[in-house]
């Protein structure tokens, strides 16, 4: 049996808990920028934690928070590109439908006599 568990995206309050646990900070000058990006971007708490965690002893708080900002900006840009591609695909489908309808009107053929690409079946 499958069990589906719906997990929410990371909000700023959850991020602050992660920052306190992993970096030991309750506030930083980059927090406002991170808050804004979290409102605009969907990122799971585990992904936020992965980007906030120091990868080496040399990484300081600022570097870790900047890593998260970079990841959030990349995620935001990818989501924007995906939405644009989906919108473009919908536009192409709509144009195909309109073309098929024009063919039907012009040729007096029924919708069943027109192929998906808009040309008539003989």
N, C-alpha and C. Protein backbone atom coordinates (compact mmCIF):
# COMPACT_ATOMS: atom_id res chain seq x y z
N UNK A 1 0.84 -1.16 0.00
CA UNK A 1 0.00 0.00 0.00
C UNK A 1 0.90 1.24 0.00
N UNK A 2 0.55 2.21 -0.84
CA UNK A 2 1.29 3.47 -0.90
C UNK A 2 0.72 4.45 0.09
N UNK A 3 1.59 5.21 0.66
CA UNK A 3 1.15 6.27 1.57
C UNK A 3 1.72 7.58 1.04
N UNK A 4 0.85 8.53 0.80
CA UNK A 4 1.27 9.83 0.31
C UNK A 4 1.29 10.83 1.45
N UNK A 5 2.42 11.50 1.59
CA UNK A 5 2.57 12.51 2.62
C UNK A 5 2.85 13.83 1.90
N UNK A 6 2.00 14.81 2.13
CA UNK A 6 2.20 16.10 1.50
C UNK A 6 3.07 16.97 2.40
N UNK A 7 4.19 17.40 1.85
CA UNK A 7 5.10 18.26 2.58
C UNK A 7 5.02 19.67 1.99
N UNK A 8 5.01 20.64 2.84
CA UNK A 8 4.93 22.01 2.36
C UNK A 8 6.32 22.52 1.99
N UNK A 9 6.34 23.64 1.30
CA UNK A 9 7.60 24.28 0.98
C UNK A 9 8.09 25.05 2.19
N UNK A 10 9.36 25.38 2.16
CA UNK A 10 9.97 26.07 3.29
C UNK A 10 9.52 27.53 3.33
N UNK A 11 9.05 27.93 4.49
CA UNK A 11 8.69 29.34 4.71
C UNK A 11 9.83 29.99 5.49
N UNK A 12 9.75 31.29 5.65
CA UNK A 12 10.82 32.02 6.33
C UNK A 12 10.97 31.58 7.79
N UNK A 13 9.86 31.32 8.46
CA UNK A 13 9.94 30.90 9.86
C UNK A 13 10.70 29.57 9.99
N UNK A 14 10.43 28.63 9.08
CA UNK A 14 11.14 27.35 9.11
C UNK A 14 12.62 27.57 8.78
N UNK A 15 12.90 28.46 7.84
CA UNK A 15 14.29 28.78 7.50
C UNK A 15 15.04 29.30 8.73
N UNK A 16 14.40 30.17 9.52
CA UNK A 16 15.07 30.73 10.69
C UNK A 16 15.44 29.63 11.68
N UNK A 17 14.59 28.62 11.81
CA UNK A 17 14.91 27.49 12.69
C UNK A 17 16.13 26.75 12.14
N UNK A 18 16.14 26.52 10.82
CA UNK A 18 17.28 25.83 10.21
C UNK A 18 18.57 26.65 10.37
N UNK A 19 18.48 27.96 10.18
CA UNK A 19 19.66 28.82 10.32
C UNK A 19 20.19 28.79 11.75
N UNK A 20 19.27 28.79 12.70
CA UNK A 20 19.70 28.74 14.10
C UNK A 20 20.35 27.39 14.42
N UNK A 21 19.73 26.30 13.92
CA UNK A 21 20.26 24.96 14.21
C UNK A 21 21.59 24.69 13.52
N UNK A 22 21.71 25.07 12.25
CA UNK A 22 22.91 24.74 11.48
C UNK A 22 24.00 25.80 11.57
N UNK A 23 23.62 27.07 11.73
CA UNK A 23 24.61 28.14 11.70
C UNK A 23 24.74 28.88 13.03
N UNK A 24 23.78 28.65 13.93
CA UNK A 24 23.84 29.31 15.23
C UNK A 24 23.52 30.79 15.18
N UNK A 25 22.75 31.22 14.16
CA UNK A 25 22.41 32.65 14.05
C UNK A 25 20.90 32.82 14.08
N UNK A 26 20.48 33.93 14.70
CA UNK A 26 19.05 34.25 14.74
C UNK A 26 18.71 35.38 13.78
N UNK A 27 19.75 36.14 13.36
CA UNK A 27 19.54 37.18 12.36
C UNK A 27 20.85 37.44 11.65
N UNK A 28 20.73 37.83 10.38
CA UNK A 28 21.89 38.18 9.56
C UNK A 28 21.42 39.19 8.52
N UNK A 29 22.32 39.99 8.03
CA UNK A 29 21.96 41.01 7.04
C UNK A 29 21.33 40.43 5.77
N UNK A 30 21.57 39.14 5.48
CA UNK A 30 21.00 38.51 4.29
C UNK A 30 19.60 37.94 4.52
N UNK A 31 19.13 37.92 5.76
CA UNK A 31 17.80 37.36 6.05
C UNK A 31 16.68 38.03 5.25
N UNK A 32 16.63 39.36 5.13
CA UNK A 32 15.53 39.97 4.36
C UNK A 32 15.49 39.50 2.90
N UNK A 33 16.66 39.37 2.29
CA UNK A 33 16.70 38.89 0.90
C UNK A 33 16.23 37.44 0.83
N UNK A 34 16.63 36.63 1.77
CA UNK A 34 16.21 35.23 1.81
C UNK A 34 14.70 35.15 2.03
N UNK A 35 14.17 35.99 2.92
CA UNK A 35 12.72 35.99 3.17
C UNK A 35 11.96 36.28 1.87
N UNK A 36 12.41 37.28 1.13
CA UNK A 36 11.75 37.64 -0.12
C UNK A 36 11.82 36.50 -1.13
N UNK A 37 12.97 35.88 -1.26
CA UNK A 37 13.13 34.77 -2.21
C UNK A 37 12.28 33.56 -1.82
N UNK A 38 12.18 33.29 -0.52
CA UNK A 38 11.36 32.17 -0.09
C UNK A 38 9.88 32.41 -0.38
N UNK A 39 9.46 33.67 -0.37
CA UNK A 39 8.07 33.99 -0.71
C UNK A 39 7.81 33.80 -2.21
N UNK A 40 8.84 33.97 -3.03
CA UNK A 40 8.71 33.91 -4.48
C UNK A 40 9.06 32.54 -5.07
N UNK A 41 9.63 31.67 -4.27
CA UNK A 41 10.18 30.41 -4.77
C UNK A 41 9.69 29.24 -3.94
N UNK A 42 9.48 28.12 -4.58
CA UNK A 42 9.10 26.89 -3.88
C UNK A 42 10.33 26.01 -3.70
N UNK A 43 10.75 25.88 -2.45
CA UNK A 43 11.89 25.02 -2.15
C UNK A 43 11.56 24.23 -0.88
N UNK A 44 11.81 22.95 -0.93
CA UNK A 44 11.55 22.08 0.22
C UNK A 44 12.51 22.41 1.37
N UNK A 45 12.06 22.21 2.61
CA UNK A 45 12.95 22.47 3.75
C UNK A 45 14.26 21.68 3.69
N UNK A 46 14.20 20.46 3.18
CA UNK A 46 15.43 19.66 3.07
C UNK A 46 16.42 20.30 2.11
N UNK A 47 15.92 20.89 1.02
CA UNK A 47 16.80 21.58 0.07
C UNK A 47 17.38 22.85 0.69
N UNK A 48 16.57 23.55 1.46
CA UNK A 48 17.07 24.74 2.16
C UNK A 48 18.17 24.32 3.13
N UNK A 49 17.92 23.28 3.90
CA UNK A 49 18.91 22.81 4.87
C UNK A 49 20.21 22.39 4.17
N UNK A 50 20.07 21.71 3.05
CA UNK A 50 21.26 21.27 2.30
C UNK A 50 22.11 22.47 1.88
N UNK A 51 21.45 23.55 1.46
CA UNK A 51 22.19 24.72 1.02
C UNK A 51 22.70 25.58 2.16
N UNK A 52 22.09 25.48 3.33
CA UNK A 52 22.51 26.27 4.49
C UNK A 52 23.67 25.59 5.23
N UNK A 53 23.70 24.28 5.22
CA UNK A 53 24.73 23.56 5.97
C UNK A 53 26.13 23.88 5.44
N UNK A 54 27.05 24.17 6.34
CA UNK A 54 28.43 24.37 5.90
C UNK A 54 28.99 23.10 5.28
N UNK A 55 29.67 23.26 4.14
CA UNK A 55 30.25 22.11 3.45
C UNK A 55 31.69 21.83 3.90
N UNK A 56 32.28 22.83 4.52
CA UNK A 56 33.64 22.67 5.04
C UNK A 56 33.81 23.57 6.26
N UNK A 57 34.92 23.40 6.93
CA UNK A 57 35.22 24.21 8.11
C UNK A 57 35.45 25.67 7.71
N UNK A 58 35.88 25.89 6.48
CA UNK A 58 36.21 27.23 6.01
C UNK A 58 34.98 28.09 5.69
N UNK A 59 33.80 27.47 5.53
CA UNK A 59 32.61 28.23 5.17
C UNK A 59 32.03 28.92 6.41
N UNK A 60 31.89 30.24 6.30
CA UNK A 60 31.30 31.00 7.39
C UNK A 60 29.80 31.19 7.16
N UNK A 61 29.14 31.87 8.07
CA UNK A 61 27.69 32.08 8.01
C UNK A 61 27.31 32.80 6.71
N UNK A 62 28.04 33.86 6.40
CA UNK A 62 27.72 34.65 5.20
C UNK A 62 27.80 33.78 3.94
N UNK A 63 28.82 32.97 3.83
CA UNK A 63 28.99 32.09 2.67
C UNK A 63 27.85 31.09 2.56
N UNK A 64 27.46 30.51 3.68
CA UNK A 64 26.36 29.53 3.67
C UNK A 64 25.04 30.19 3.26
N UNK A 65 24.79 31.37 3.79
CA UNK A 65 23.55 32.07 3.43
C UNK A 65 23.58 32.51 1.97
N UNK A 66 24.75 32.90 1.47
CA UNK A 66 24.87 33.27 0.07
C UNK A 66 24.65 32.05 -0.82
N UNK A 67 25.11 30.88 -0.38
CA UNK A 67 24.86 29.63 -1.12
C UNK A 67 23.36 29.39 -1.25
N UNK A 68 22.62 29.64 -0.18
CA UNK A 68 21.16 29.47 -0.21
C UNK A 68 20.54 30.48 -1.17
N UNK A 69 20.97 31.72 -1.11
CA UNK A 69 20.45 32.75 -2.03
C UNK A 69 20.68 32.34 -3.47
N UNK A 70 21.88 31.86 -3.78
CA UNK A 70 22.18 31.42 -5.14
C UNK A 70 21.26 30.28 -5.57
N UNK A 71 21.04 29.33 -4.67
CA UNK A 71 20.17 28.19 -4.99
C UNK A 71 18.72 28.64 -5.18
N UNK A 72 18.25 29.56 -4.34
CA UNK A 72 16.88 30.08 -4.48
C UNK A 72 16.71 30.85 -5.79
N UNK A 73 17.70 31.65 -6.15
CA UNK A 73 17.62 32.40 -7.41
C UNK A 73 17.62 31.47 -8.61
N UNK A 74 18.44 30.41 -8.54
CA UNK A 74 18.47 29.43 -9.62
C UNK A 74 17.13 28.70 -9.74
N UNK A 75 16.57 28.30 -8.62
CA UNK A 75 15.27 27.63 -8.60
C UNK A 75 14.19 28.55 -9.15
N UNK A 76 14.23 29.80 -8.77
CA UNK A 76 13.25 30.77 -9.25
C UNK A 76 13.36 30.93 -10.77
N UNK A 77 14.57 31.02 -11.28
CA UNK A 77 14.78 31.17 -12.73
C UNK A 77 14.33 29.92 -13.48
N UNK A 78 14.62 28.75 -12.94
CA UNK A 78 14.19 27.51 -13.58
C UNK A 78 12.67 27.41 -13.62
N UNK A 79 12.01 27.81 -12.55
CA UNK A 79 10.55 27.78 -12.51
C UNK A 79 9.97 28.76 -13.53
N UNK A 80 10.60 29.90 -13.67
CA UNK A 80 10.14 30.90 -14.65
C UNK A 80 10.27 30.35 -16.07
N UNK A 81 11.41 29.72 -16.37
CA UNK A 81 11.63 29.15 -17.71
C UNK A 81 10.62 28.03 -17.98
N UNK A 82 10.37 27.21 -16.98
CA UNK A 82 9.41 26.11 -17.15
C UNK A 82 8.01 26.66 -17.42
N UNK A 83 7.62 27.70 -16.71
CA UNK A 83 6.30 28.31 -16.92
C UNK A 83 6.21 28.92 -18.32
N UNK A 84 7.28 29.54 -18.78
CA UNK A 84 7.29 30.13 -20.12
C UNK A 84 7.17 29.04 -21.19
N UNK A 85 7.87 27.92 -20.99
CA UNK A 85 7.81 26.81 -21.93
C UNK A 85 6.41 26.21 -21.97
N UNK A 86 5.79 26.06 -20.81
CA UNK A 86 4.43 25.52 -20.76
C UNK A 86 3.45 26.47 -21.44
N UNK A 87 3.64 27.76 -21.22
CA UNK A 87 2.77 28.76 -21.85
C UNK A 87 2.95 28.72 -23.37
N UNK A 88 4.17 28.57 -23.82
CA UNK A 88 4.45 28.50 -25.25
C UNK A 88 3.81 27.24 -25.85
N UNK A 89 3.90 26.14 -25.14
CA UNK A 89 3.28 24.89 -25.60
C UNK A 89 1.77 25.02 -25.70
N UNK A 90 1.16 25.68 -24.72
CA UNK A 90 -0.29 25.88 -24.76
C UNK A 90 -0.68 26.78 -25.93
N UNK A 91 0.15 27.77 -26.20
CA UNK A 91 -0.12 28.68 -27.31
C UNK A 91 -0.07 27.92 -28.65
N UNK A 92 0.90 27.04 -28.81
CA UNK A 92 1.03 26.25 -30.03
C UNK A 92 -0.18 25.34 -30.19
N UNK A 93 -0.62 24.71 -29.11
CA UNK A 93 -1.79 23.84 -29.17
C UNK A 93 -3.04 24.63 -29.55
N UNK A 94 -3.17 25.82 -29.00
CA UNK A 94 -4.32 26.66 -29.32
C UNK A 94 -4.29 27.06 -30.80
N UNK A 95 -3.11 27.39 -31.30
CA UNK A 95 -2.97 27.76 -32.71
C UNK A 95 -3.34 26.58 -33.62
N UNK A 96 -2.94 25.38 -33.23
CA UNK A 96 -3.29 24.18 -34.00
C UNK A 96 -4.81 23.99 -34.05
N UNK A 97 -5.44 24.17 -32.91
CA UNK A 97 -6.90 24.03 -32.84
C UNK A 97 -7.59 25.08 -33.71
N UNK A 98 -7.11 26.32 -33.63
CA UNK A 98 -7.70 27.39 -34.44
C UNK A 98 -7.51 27.11 -35.93
N UNK A 99 -6.34 26.61 -36.30
CA UNK A 99 -6.07 26.29 -37.70
C UNK A 99 -7.01 25.18 -38.17
N UNK A 100 -7.19 24.17 -37.34
CA UNK A 100 -8.08 23.06 -37.70
C UNK A 100 -9.51 23.56 -37.88
N UNK A 101 -9.94 24.47 -37.01
CA UNK A 101 -11.29 25.03 -37.14
C UNK A 101 -11.43 25.84 -38.42
N UNK A 102 -10.38 26.57 -38.78
CA UNK A 102 -10.41 27.34 -40.02
C UNK A 102 -10.49 26.41 -41.24
N UNK A 103 -9.78 25.30 -41.18
CA UNK A 103 -9.82 24.32 -42.27
C UNK A 103 -11.23 23.75 -42.41
N UNK A 104 -11.86 23.48 -41.29
CA UNK A 104 -13.21 22.93 -41.31
C UNK A 104 -14.15 23.94 -41.97
N UNK A 105 -14.06 25.18 -41.57
CA UNK A 105 -14.92 26.21 -42.15
C UNK A 105 -14.64 26.40 -43.64
N UNK A 106 -13.37 26.43 -44.00
CA UNK A 106 -12.99 26.69 -45.39
C UNK A 106 -13.35 25.54 -46.31
N UNK A 107 -13.23 24.32 -45.84
CA UNK A 107 -13.45 23.14 -46.68
C UNK A 107 -14.82 22.50 -46.48
N UNK A 108 -15.55 22.97 -45.52
CA UNK A 108 -16.85 22.39 -45.26
C UNK A 108 -16.76 20.98 -44.72
N UNK A 109 -15.64 20.61 -44.17
CA UNK A 109 -15.45 19.26 -43.63
C UNK A 109 -15.77 19.26 -42.14
N UNK A 110 -16.14 18.12 -41.64
CA UNK A 110 -16.41 18.01 -40.21
C UNK A 110 -15.08 17.91 -39.47
N UNK A 111 -15.12 18.10 -38.18
CA UNK A 111 -13.92 17.99 -37.36
C UNK A 111 -13.27 16.63 -37.46
N UNK A 112 -14.05 15.59 -37.75
CA UNK A 112 -13.50 14.24 -37.86
C UNK A 112 -12.71 14.06 -39.14
N UNK A 113 -12.94 14.93 -40.13
CA UNK A 113 -12.23 14.83 -41.40
C UNK A 113 -10.92 15.58 -41.39
N UNK A 114 -10.56 16.18 -40.27
CA UNK A 114 -9.33 16.97 -40.19
C UNK A 114 -8.39 16.29 -39.20
N UNK A 115 -7.16 16.06 -39.65
CA UNK A 115 -6.16 15.44 -38.78
C UNK A 115 -5.72 16.43 -37.72
N UNK A 116 -4.95 15.91 -36.77
CA UNK A 116 -4.49 16.73 -35.67
C UNK A 116 -3.61 17.89 -36.16
N UNK A 117 -2.82 17.68 -37.23
CA UNK A 117 -1.94 18.73 -37.70
C UNK A 117 -2.65 19.75 -38.57
N UNK A 118 -3.93 19.58 -38.81
CA UNK A 118 -4.71 20.56 -39.54
C UNK A 118 -4.95 20.22 -41.00
N UNK A 119 -4.27 19.20 -41.53
CA UNK A 119 -4.53 18.84 -42.93
C UNK A 119 -5.68 17.86 -43.02
N UNK A 120 -6.33 17.86 -44.17
CA UNK A 120 -7.53 17.01 -44.32
C UNK A 120 -7.15 15.58 -44.64
N UNK A 121 -8.01 14.68 -44.24
CA UNK A 121 -7.85 13.26 -44.55
C UNK A 121 -8.57 12.97 -45.86
N UNK A 122 -7.89 12.27 -46.74
CA UNK A 122 -8.52 11.94 -48.03
C UNK A 122 -9.07 10.53 -48.02
